N, C-alpha and C. Protein backbone atom coordinates (compact mmCIF):
# COMPACT_ATOMS: atom_id res chain seq x y z
N MET A 1 68.40 -6.24 -12.73
CA MET A 1 67.70 -6.30 -14.15
C MET A 1 66.26 -7.72 -13.81
N GLU A 2 65.30 -6.21 -14.53
CA GLU A 2 63.67 -6.94 -14.60
C GLU A 2 63.83 -7.62 -16.22
N ASN A 3 63.41 -9.27 -16.16
CA ASN A 3 63.42 -9.13 -17.13
C ASN A 3 62.22 -8.85 -17.99
N PRO A 4 62.79 -8.80 -19.30
CA PRO A 4 61.73 -8.24 -20.84
C PRO A 4 60.60 -8.88 -20.20
N MET A 5 60.65 -10.44 -20.36
CA MET A 5 58.91 -11.26 -20.67
C MET A 5 57.87 -10.46 -19.42
N LEU A 6 58.32 -9.81 -18.67
CA LEU A 6 56.92 -9.33 -17.91
C LEU A 6 56.67 -8.56 -17.80
N ASN A 7 56.79 -7.22 -19.45
CA ASN A 7 56.46 -6.70 -19.26
C ASN A 7 55.44 -7.07 -20.30
N LEU A 8 55.14 -8.09 -21.11
CA LEU A 8 54.70 -8.59 -22.56
C LEU A 8 52.81 -8.74 -22.12
N PRO A 9 52.14 -8.60 -22.74
CA PRO A 9 50.94 -8.05 -23.22
C PRO A 9 50.40 -9.86 -22.69
N VAL A 10 48.93 -9.41 -21.65
CA VAL A 10 48.60 -10.64 -21.48
C VAL A 10 46.79 -10.23 -21.72
N LEU A 11 45.93 -11.27 -22.72
CA LEU A 11 44.81 -9.93 -22.41
C LEU A 11 44.31 -10.64 -21.06
N VAL A 12 43.45 -9.95 -20.79
CA VAL A 12 42.66 -10.29 -19.36
C VAL A 12 41.08 -10.41 -19.92
N LEU A 13 40.30 -11.34 -19.39
CA LEU A 13 39.26 -11.60 -19.70
C LEU A 13 38.50 -11.34 -18.43
N ASN A 14 36.84 -11.00 -19.00
CA ASN A 14 36.16 -10.87 -17.57
C ASN A 14 35.62 -12.63 -17.39
N GLN A 15 34.64 -12.20 -16.35
CA GLN A 15 34.11 -13.72 -15.78
C GLN A 15 33.99 -14.44 -16.82
N ASN A 16 32.75 -13.49 -17.69
CA ASN A 16 32.00 -14.63 -18.35
C ASN A 16 32.20 -14.78 -19.80
N TYR A 17 34.11 -14.42 -19.84
CA TYR A 17 35.04 -14.30 -20.82
C TYR A 17 35.24 -13.40 -21.99
N GLU A 18 34.50 -12.11 -21.53
CA GLU A 18 34.47 -10.87 -22.63
C GLU A 18 35.60 -10.26 -22.62
N PRO A 19 35.95 -9.90 -23.30
CA PRO A 19 37.34 -8.81 -23.56
C PRO A 19 37.76 -7.71 -22.43
N LEU A 20 38.57 -7.37 -21.72
CA LEU A 20 38.04 -6.44 -21.17
C LEU A 20 39.50 -5.41 -20.92
N ASN A 21 40.89 -6.29 -21.01
CA ASN A 21 41.70 -5.00 -21.26
C ASN A 21 43.24 -5.80 -21.03
N ILE A 22 43.80 -5.29 -21.28
CA ILE A 22 45.73 -5.43 -21.51
C ILE A 22 45.88 -5.15 -20.54
N CYS A 23 46.71 -6.58 -19.75
CA CYS A 23 48.01 -5.89 -19.06
C CYS A 23 49.33 -6.57 -18.86
N ASN A 24 49.94 -6.24 -18.37
CA ASN A 24 51.32 -7.27 -18.68
C ASN A 24 51.72 -8.12 -17.50
N THR A 25 52.44 -9.19 -17.93
CA THR A 25 52.65 -10.52 -17.60
C THR A 25 52.93 -10.33 -16.19
N LYS A 26 53.62 -9.11 -15.81
CA LYS A 26 54.05 -9.60 -14.26
C LYS A 26 52.35 -9.23 -13.53
N ARG A 27 52.06 -8.50 -13.95
CA ARG A 27 50.44 -7.82 -13.07
C ARG A 27 49.82 -9.11 -13.30
N ALA A 28 49.25 -9.58 -14.64
CA ALA A 28 49.21 -10.83 -14.87
C ALA A 28 49.15 -11.61 -13.47
N ILE A 29 50.47 -12.03 -13.69
CA ILE A 29 50.81 -13.20 -12.83
C ILE A 29 50.50 -13.16 -11.12
N VAL A 30 50.59 -11.53 -10.81
CA VAL A 30 50.14 -11.39 -9.82
C VAL A 30 48.78 -11.94 -9.15
N LEU A 31 47.99 -11.18 -10.57
CA LEU A 31 46.31 -11.52 -10.26
C LEU A 31 46.23 -12.96 -9.79
N VAL A 32 46.68 -13.93 -10.83
CA VAL A 32 46.99 -15.66 -10.57
C VAL A 32 47.55 -16.04 -9.33
N VAL A 33 48.48 -15.19 -8.50
CA VAL A 33 48.93 -15.71 -7.54
C VAL A 33 47.48 -15.84 -5.88
N VAL A 34 47.83 -14.34 -6.43
CA VAL A 34 46.62 -14.14 -5.44
C VAL A 34 45.57 -14.57 -5.42
N GLY A 35 45.08 -15.38 -6.54
CA GLY A 35 43.33 -16.05 -6.64
C GLY A 35 42.28 -15.12 -7.49
N LYS A 36 42.86 -13.64 -8.06
CA LYS A 36 41.42 -13.03 -8.65
C LYS A 36 41.63 -13.32 -10.24
N ALA A 37 42.13 -14.68 -10.42
CA ALA A 37 42.16 -14.52 -11.66
C ALA A 37 42.74 -16.19 -12.03
N GLU A 38 42.26 -16.88 -13.40
CA GLU A 38 43.19 -18.20 -13.76
C GLU A 38 43.46 -17.84 -14.85
N VAL A 39 44.66 -18.93 -15.44
CA VAL A 39 45.08 -19.10 -17.32
C VAL A 39 44.35 -19.27 -17.92
N LEU A 40 44.45 -18.95 -18.92
CA LEU A 40 43.20 -19.79 -20.14
C LEU A 40 44.68 -20.81 -20.84
N GLU A 41 45.33 -19.40 -21.27
CA GLU A 41 46.64 -19.34 -22.61
C GLU A 41 47.66 -19.04 -21.88
N ASN A 42 48.80 -20.10 -22.21
CA ASN A 42 50.23 -19.59 -21.63
C ASN A 42 50.61 -19.46 -22.99
N GLY A 43 51.62 -18.62 -23.04
CA GLY A 43 52.58 -17.54 -23.66
C GLY A 43 53.63 -18.76 -24.19
N LYS A 44 54.77 -18.20 -24.98
CA LYS A 44 55.54 -19.02 -25.01
C LYS A 44 56.71 -18.28 -23.78
N GLY A 45 57.11 -18.95 -23.04
CA GLY A 45 58.57 -19.24 -21.97
C GLY A 45 58.16 -18.55 -20.64
N VAL A 46 58.74 -19.26 -19.62
CA VAL A 46 58.80 -19.10 -19.10
C VAL A 46 59.57 -18.14 -17.36
N ILE A 47 58.82 -18.10 -16.91
CA ILE A 47 59.15 -16.73 -16.22
C ILE A 47 59.66 -17.62 -14.62
N HIS A 48 60.49 -17.19 -14.44
CA HIS A 48 61.69 -17.69 -12.85
C HIS A 48 61.56 -16.91 -11.97
N THR A 49 61.30 -17.39 -10.56
CA THR A 49 61.32 -16.82 -9.37
C THR A 49 62.47 -17.17 -8.63
N PRO A 50 63.09 -17.00 -7.14
CA PRO A 50 64.08 -17.96 -6.89
C PRO A 50 64.00 -19.16 -6.41
N PHE A 51 62.32 -19.27 -5.83
CA PHE A 51 61.81 -20.25 -5.74
C PHE A 51 60.60 -21.27 -6.44
N THR A 52 59.99 -20.86 -7.69
CA THR A 52 59.40 -21.62 -8.83
C THR A 52 59.28 -21.26 -10.05
N ALA A 53 59.33 -21.73 -11.21
CA ALA A 53 58.56 -21.06 -12.45
C ALA A 53 57.44 -21.08 -12.50
N PHE A 54 56.42 -20.07 -13.91
CA PHE A 54 55.44 -19.81 -13.78
C PHE A 54 55.59 -20.12 -15.58
N PRO A 55 54.76 -20.34 -16.03
CA PRO A 55 54.40 -20.58 -17.64
C PRO A 55 53.43 -18.97 -17.81
N ARG A 56 54.53 -18.64 -18.73
CA ARG A 56 54.28 -17.10 -19.06
C ARG A 56 52.61 -16.97 -19.04
N PRO A 57 51.54 -16.66 -18.37
CA PRO A 57 50.50 -16.37 -19.38
C PRO A 57 49.94 -15.25 -20.67
N SER A 58 48.89 -15.80 -21.50
CA SER A 58 49.31 -15.31 -22.43
C SER A 58 47.34 -14.71 -21.84
N VAL A 59 46.58 -14.70 -21.42
CA VAL A 59 45.10 -14.84 -21.37
C VAL A 59 44.55 -15.29 -20.15
N ILE A 60 43.85 -14.89 -19.85
CA ILE A 60 43.64 -14.32 -17.92
C ILE A 60 42.21 -14.65 -17.91
N LYS A 61 41.75 -15.32 -17.00
CA LYS A 61 39.83 -14.94 -16.74
C LYS A 61 40.19 -14.46 -15.54
N LEU A 62 39.32 -13.24 -14.97
CA LEU A 62 38.96 -13.13 -13.78
C LEU A 62 37.95 -14.44 -13.18
N ILE A 63 38.22 -13.96 -11.76
CA ILE A 63 37.29 -14.50 -11.33
C ILE A 63 36.29 -13.85 -11.09
N TYR A 64 35.82 -13.20 -10.89
CA TYR A 64 34.71 -11.98 -10.48
C TYR A 64 34.13 -11.47 -11.64
N MET A 65 33.21 -11.12 -11.81
CA MET A 65 32.71 -9.92 -12.37
C MET A 65 33.11 -9.08 -12.32
N ILE A 66 33.53 -7.96 -13.25
CA ILE A 66 33.40 -6.60 -13.21
C ILE A 66 33.09 -6.10 -14.02
N LYS A 67 32.09 -4.95 -13.96
CA LYS A 67 30.84 -3.76 -15.00
C LYS A 67 31.70 -2.89 -14.56
N ARG A 68 32.05 -2.15 -16.26
CA ARG A 68 32.41 -1.25 -16.48
C ARG A 68 31.57 -0.46 -17.76
N PRO A 69 31.81 0.78 -17.92
CA PRO A 69 31.29 1.24 -19.43
C PRO A 69 31.84 0.67 -20.73
N ARG A 70 31.09 0.35 -21.53
CA ARG A 70 31.09 -0.11 -23.01
C ARG A 70 32.41 1.01 -22.93
N PRO A 71 33.66 0.15 -23.99
CA PRO A 71 34.48 1.80 -24.40
C PRO A 71 33.83 2.37 -25.58
N ARG A 72 34.95 3.11 -26.37
CA ARG A 72 34.12 3.84 -26.86
C ARG A 72 35.33 4.96 -27.84
N VAL A 73 34.57 4.70 -29.68
CA VAL A 73 35.90 4.61 -30.00
C VAL A 73 36.70 6.29 -30.26
N LYS A 74 37.59 6.60 -30.35
CA LYS A 74 38.17 7.63 -29.93
C LYS A 74 37.56 9.11 -31.64
N LEU A 75 37.11 9.93 -31.28
CA LEU A 75 36.98 10.91 -32.02
C LEU A 75 38.51 11.70 -33.02
N THR A 76 38.55 10.26 -33.76
CA THR A 76 39.37 11.67 -34.79
C THR A 76 39.04 11.20 -36.12
N ARG A 77 40.12 11.97 -37.00
CA ARG A 77 39.66 12.34 -37.93
C ARG A 77 39.38 11.01 -38.98
N GLN A 78 40.54 10.09 -38.94
CA GLN A 78 40.16 9.15 -39.29
C GLN A 78 39.29 7.75 -39.27
N GLU A 79 38.60 8.19 -37.88
CA GLU A 79 37.32 7.01 -37.46
C GLU A 79 36.27 7.84 -38.34
N VAL A 80 36.05 8.97 -38.09
CA VAL A 80 35.08 9.79 -38.59
C VAL A 80 34.98 9.18 -40.55
N PHE A 81 35.77 9.32 -41.04
CA PHE A 81 36.22 8.91 -42.42
C PHE A 81 35.58 7.37 -42.74
N LYS A 82 35.82 6.61 -42.17
CA LYS A 82 35.91 5.67 -41.81
C LYS A 82 34.33 4.52 -41.54
N ARG A 83 34.23 5.67 -40.72
CA ARG A 83 32.52 5.88 -40.49
C ARG A 83 31.75 6.00 -41.70
N ASP A 84 32.40 7.09 -42.24
CA ASP A 84 31.61 7.61 -43.06
C ASP A 84 31.91 6.57 -44.41
N ASN A 85 32.80 5.84 -44.64
CA ASN A 85 33.11 4.98 -45.83
C ASN A 85 33.59 5.48 -46.52
N TYR A 86 34.66 6.91 -46.24
CA TYR A 86 35.41 7.43 -47.30
C TYR A 86 34.43 8.89 -48.25
N THR A 87 33.28 8.66 -48.24
CA THR A 87 32.44 9.34 -49.13
C THR A 87 32.13 10.85 -48.19
N CYS A 88 32.27 11.99 -49.32
CA CYS A 88 31.55 13.17 -48.79
C CYS A 88 29.76 12.60 -48.33
N GLN A 89 29.26 13.29 -47.32
CA GLN A 89 28.47 13.47 -46.15
C GLN A 89 27.30 14.34 -47.50
N TYR A 90 27.80 15.01 -47.94
CA TYR A 90 27.29 16.13 -48.64
C TYR A 90 26.52 15.56 -50.55
N CYS A 91 27.63 15.41 -50.87
CA CYS A 91 27.43 15.12 -52.60
C CYS A 91 27.38 13.70 -52.97
N GLY A 92 28.18 12.36 -51.70
CA GLY A 92 28.29 11.57 -51.98
C GLY A 92 29.26 11.02 -53.14
N ALA A 93 30.11 11.82 -52.94
CA ALA A 93 31.79 11.26 -53.89
C ALA A 93 32.75 10.50 -52.79
N ARG A 94 33.63 9.67 -53.36
CA ARG A 94 33.64 8.66 -52.54
C ARG A 94 35.23 8.73 -52.77
N THR A 95 36.22 9.50 -51.51
CA THR A 95 37.73 9.88 -51.99
C THR A 95 38.36 9.87 -50.74
N LYS A 96 39.70 9.30 -51.18
CA LYS A 96 40.61 9.08 -49.89
C LYS A 96 40.26 11.29 -49.50
N ASP A 97 40.97 11.60 -50.31
CA ASP A 97 40.82 13.46 -50.12
C ASP A 97 39.64 14.56 -49.78
N LEU A 98 39.37 13.83 -47.52
CA LEU A 98 38.69 14.67 -47.50
C LEU A 98 38.53 15.34 -45.83
N THR A 99 38.10 16.26 -45.72
CA THR A 99 37.79 17.09 -44.91
C THR A 99 37.08 16.81 -43.89
N LEU A 100 37.02 17.46 -42.58
CA LEU A 100 35.87 16.70 -42.06
C LEU A 100 34.78 18.68 -41.95
N ASP A 101 34.00 18.47 -41.69
CA ASP A 101 33.00 19.15 -41.47
C ASP A 101 31.91 19.24 -40.45
N HIS A 102 31.78 20.52 -39.26
CA HIS A 102 30.88 20.54 -38.34
C HIS A 102 29.16 20.60 -38.95
N VAL A 103 28.76 20.08 -38.96
CA VAL A 103 27.35 20.73 -39.37
C VAL A 103 26.36 21.31 -39.04
N VAL A 104 26.27 21.60 -37.50
CA VAL A 104 26.02 22.84 -37.12
C VAL A 104 27.15 23.38 -36.92
N PRO A 105 27.86 24.36 -37.45
CA PRO A 105 29.10 25.19 -37.29
C PRO A 105 29.81 26.07 -35.95
N ARG A 106 31.00 25.36 -35.02
CA ARG A 106 30.91 25.68 -33.82
C ARG A 106 31.04 27.02 -33.87
N ARG A 107 31.51 28.25 -34.51
CA ARG A 107 30.55 29.34 -34.23
C ARG A 107 29.11 29.62 -33.83
N LEU A 108 28.60 29.07 -34.54
CA LEU A 108 26.84 28.44 -33.34
C LEU A 108 26.51 28.14 -33.02
N GLY A 109 27.63 27.51 -32.14
CA GLY A 109 27.32 26.44 -31.03
C GLY A 109 27.51 24.98 -31.17
N GLY A 110 28.33 24.38 -32.18
CA GLY A 110 28.10 23.11 -32.18
C GLY A 110 29.50 22.98 -31.87
N ALA A 111 29.18 21.61 -31.04
CA ALA A 111 30.12 20.98 -30.14
C ALA A 111 30.80 20.05 -31.24
N HIS A 112 32.28 19.71 -31.15
CA HIS A 112 32.87 18.49 -31.41
C HIS A 112 32.47 17.60 -30.88
N ASP A 113 31.95 16.85 -32.03
CA ASP A 113 31.25 15.42 -30.92
C ASP A 113 30.90 14.78 -32.55
N TRP A 114 30.08 13.13 -32.35
CA TRP A 114 30.25 12.34 -33.05
C TRP A 114 28.98 12.70 -34.50
N SER A 115 27.82 13.21 -33.65
CA SER A 115 27.04 13.81 -33.87
C SER A 115 26.97 15.03 -34.77
N ASN A 116 28.13 15.28 -34.92
CA ASN A 116 28.18 17.07 -35.21
C ASN A 116 29.15 17.44 -36.53
N VAL A 117 29.38 16.05 -36.28
CA VAL A 117 31.10 15.90 -37.88
C VAL A 117 30.95 14.86 -38.19
N VAL A 118 31.01 15.10 -39.26
CA VAL A 118 31.04 14.25 -41.13
C VAL A 118 31.83 14.85 -41.63
N SER A 119 32.48 13.90 -42.98
CA SER A 119 33.37 13.63 -43.74
C SER A 119 32.97 14.42 -45.04
N ALA A 120 33.69 15.38 -45.32
CA ALA A 120 32.71 16.33 -46.85
C ALA A 120 33.99 16.84 -47.41
N CYS A 121 33.91 16.57 -49.10
CA CYS A 121 34.64 16.52 -50.00
C CYS A 121 34.94 18.39 -50.10
N ARG A 122 36.66 18.36 -50.55
CA ARG A 122 36.35 19.91 -50.46
C ARG A 122 35.67 20.60 -50.62
N VAL A 123 35.40 20.40 -52.18
CA VAL A 123 34.62 21.30 -52.80
C VAL A 123 33.32 21.72 -51.73
N CYS A 124 32.83 20.34 -51.40
CA CYS A 124 30.69 20.93 -50.43
C CYS A 124 31.68 21.71 -48.97
N ASN A 125 32.41 21.22 -48.43
CA ASN A 125 33.85 21.30 -47.62
C ASN A 125 33.74 23.40 -48.07
N ARG A 126 33.94 23.96 -48.74
CA ARG A 126 34.27 25.24 -49.34
C ARG A 126 32.66 25.99 -49.43
N LYS A 127 31.94 24.83 -49.44
CA LYS A 127 30.34 25.35 -50.21
C LYS A 127 29.44 26.01 -49.25
N LYS A 128 29.61 24.69 -48.16
CA LYS A 128 28.93 24.63 -47.03
C LYS A 128 29.42 26.38 -46.22
N GLY A 129 30.28 26.14 -46.23
CA GLY A 129 31.33 27.32 -45.12
C GLY A 129 31.18 27.26 -43.59
N GLY A 130 30.87 27.82 -43.82
CA GLY A 130 30.86 28.97 -41.23
C GLY A 130 28.99 28.16 -41.71
N ARG A 131 28.23 28.11 -42.40
CA ARG A 131 26.71 28.36 -42.66
C ARG A 131 25.99 26.66 -42.03
N THR A 132 24.94 27.03 -41.41
CA THR A 132 23.90 26.04 -41.47
C THR A 132 23.51 25.21 -42.64
N LEU A 133 22.94 24.01 -42.49
CA LEU A 133 22.99 23.36 -43.68
C LEU A 133 22.04 24.01 -44.58
N ALA A 134 20.59 24.84 -44.16
CA ALA A 134 20.03 25.05 -44.64
C ALA A 134 20.30 26.62 -44.96
N GLU A 135 21.30 27.34 -44.39
CA GLU A 135 21.98 28.25 -45.72
C GLU A 135 23.02 28.26 -46.37
N ALA A 136 23.55 26.92 -46.40
CA ALA A 136 24.11 26.43 -47.47
C ALA A 136 23.34 25.91 -48.89
N GLY A 137 22.36 25.79 -48.20
CA GLY A 137 21.54 24.70 -49.29
C GLY A 137 21.53 22.95 -49.70
N VAL A 138 22.12 22.71 -48.69
CA VAL A 138 23.00 21.34 -48.84
C VAL A 138 21.82 20.39 -47.39
N LYS A 139 22.11 19.17 -48.16
CA LYS A 139 21.46 18.03 -47.08
C LYS A 139 22.52 16.91 -46.78
N LEU A 140 22.22 16.45 -45.79
CA LEU A 140 22.86 14.67 -45.21
C LEU A 140 22.53 13.85 -45.98
N LEU A 141 23.66 13.03 -46.86
CA LEU A 141 22.62 11.42 -47.03
C LEU A 141 22.18 10.33 -46.12
N ARG A 142 23.40 11.16 -44.98
CA ARG A 142 22.91 9.98 -43.57
C ARG A 142 23.40 11.40 -42.08
N GLN A 143 22.72 10.98 -41.63
CA GLN A 143 22.73 11.56 -39.79
C GLN A 143 23.81 11.01 -39.51
N PRO A 144 25.02 11.92 -38.81
CA PRO A 144 26.20 11.50 -37.98
C PRO A 144 25.67 10.58 -36.91
N TYR A 145 26.48 9.31 -36.69
CA TYR A 145 26.47 9.09 -35.18
C TYR A 145 27.25 8.10 -34.74
N GLU A 146 27.13 8.19 -33.85
CA GLU A 146 29.02 7.25 -33.02
C GLU A 146 28.90 6.10 -32.75
N PRO A 147 30.03 5.62 -33.83
CA PRO A 147 30.28 4.36 -33.68
C PRO A 147 30.72 3.73 -32.37
N ARG A 148 30.09 2.50 -32.46
CA ARG A 148 30.31 1.29 -31.50
C ARG A 148 31.32 0.83 -31.61
N ALA A 149 32.37 0.94 -30.69
CA ALA A 149 33.78 0.43 -30.55
C ALA A 149 34.10 -1.42 -30.22
N SER A 150 34.64 -2.08 -31.34
CA SER A 150 34.34 -3.63 -31.83
C SER A 150 35.65 -4.00 -30.96
N TRP A 151 35.61 -5.15 -30.31
CA TRP A 151 36.67 -5.43 -29.77
C TRP A 151 37.62 -5.77 -30.64
N TYR A 152 37.37 -5.93 -31.83
CA TYR A 152 39.25 -6.01 -32.31
C TYR A 152 39.18 -4.79 -33.43
N TYR A 153 38.41 -4.03 -33.07
CA TYR A 153 38.89 -2.44 -33.12
C TYR A 153 40.15 -2.05 -31.67
N LEU A 154 39.88 -2.57 -30.54
CA LEU A 154 40.61 -2.04 -29.54
C LEU A 154 41.68 -2.92 -28.74
N PHE A 155 41.24 -4.91 -29.94
CA PHE A 155 42.75 -5.00 -29.43
C PHE A 155 43.29 -5.50 -30.59
N ARG A 156 42.92 -4.70 -32.36
CA ARG A 156 43.76 -5.33 -33.18
C ARG A 156 45.73 -4.77 -32.90
N HIS A 157 45.89 -4.02 -32.99
CA HIS A 157 46.80 -3.66 -32.42
C HIS A 157 47.71 -4.94 -32.06
N TYR A 158 47.11 -5.84 -31.23
CA TYR A 158 47.69 -6.94 -30.49
C TYR A 158 47.52 -8.33 -31.18
N LEU A 159 46.96 -8.50 -32.24
CA LEU A 159 46.83 -9.59 -32.18
C LEU A 159 48.38 -10.42 -33.71
N PRO A 160 48.10 -9.35 -34.45
CA PRO A 160 49.41 -9.37 -34.91
C PRO A 160 50.83 -10.80 -33.91
N GLN A 161 50.93 -10.21 -32.98
CA GLN A 161 52.31 -10.95 -32.35
C GLN A 161 51.58 -12.04 -31.10
N ASN A 162 50.41 -12.08 -30.97
CA ASN A 162 49.46 -12.95 -29.84
C ASN A 162 47.83 -13.62 -30.92
N GLY A 163 48.71 -15.01 -31.58
CA GLY A 163 47.33 -14.85 -32.61
C GLY A 163 46.33 -15.88 -31.49
N GLU A 164 46.59 -15.93 -30.53
CA GLU A 164 46.00 -17.18 -29.01
C GLU A 164 45.03 -16.68 -28.46
N TRP A 165 45.14 -15.25 -28.91
CA TRP A 165 44.12 -14.34 -28.63
C TRP A 165 42.50 -14.01 -29.61
N ARG A 166 42.74 -14.59 -30.30
CA ARG A 166 41.89 -14.73 -31.82
C ARG A 166 40.51 -14.93 -31.46
N ARG A 167 40.64 -16.45 -30.83
CA ARG A 167 39.36 -16.82 -29.85
C ARG A 167 38.59 -16.47 -29.53
N PHE A 168 39.31 -16.04 -27.86
CA PHE A 168 38.33 -15.24 -27.11
C PHE A 168 38.30 -14.18 -27.88
N ILE A 169 38.50 -13.21 -28.75
CA ILE A 169 38.46 -11.95 -29.38
C ILE A 169 36.93 -11.89 -30.05
N GLU A 170 37.33 -13.02 -31.41
CA GLU A 170 36.25 -13.15 -31.70
C GLU A 170 34.80 -13.47 -31.91
N GLY A 171 34.63 -14.47 -30.87
CA GLY A 171 33.16 -14.88 -29.80
C GLY A 171 32.30 -13.13 -29.69
N TRP A 172 33.22 -12.30 -29.48
CA TRP A 172 32.71 -10.94 -29.32
C TRP A 172 32.34 -9.93 -30.12
N LEU A 173 33.11 -10.07 -31.45
CA LEU A 173 33.12 -9.33 -32.49
C LEU A 173 31.80 -9.29 -33.09
């Protein structure tokens, strides 16, 4: 039977201490044992093997630098509403009762991406309908854009149980 501690999350930092990823304890121990990472912070508990015992790592740092693309915020309703500060991008009404609107309607070739989706109150969404801004006679308060993914955004779900990670993540906020 496998030890449940082996599946606990471990924060993985790049060589320059940039938060990279989260792996499980088992993977973190393998990275440390083969010399690809070093332990910066121990968590609670000890992992026992037949011949030795390891303090359970909570934060590890890779020995070498990893280059990877910047993480992106997922395009969801809630993330669009957050980006737009829960404000209709046509009339400026601040409400929790919002809908999504495609600036260039999809039927006219508008993409479903960050640069074409905005928050709209129900009244403005009905007024605009499936028309362009000019056809509907409305203007955007602010051009839509893709928000940057902060480290807090990426790791916020893990912070309540792993408070020792905060000092490694906050330097990258």
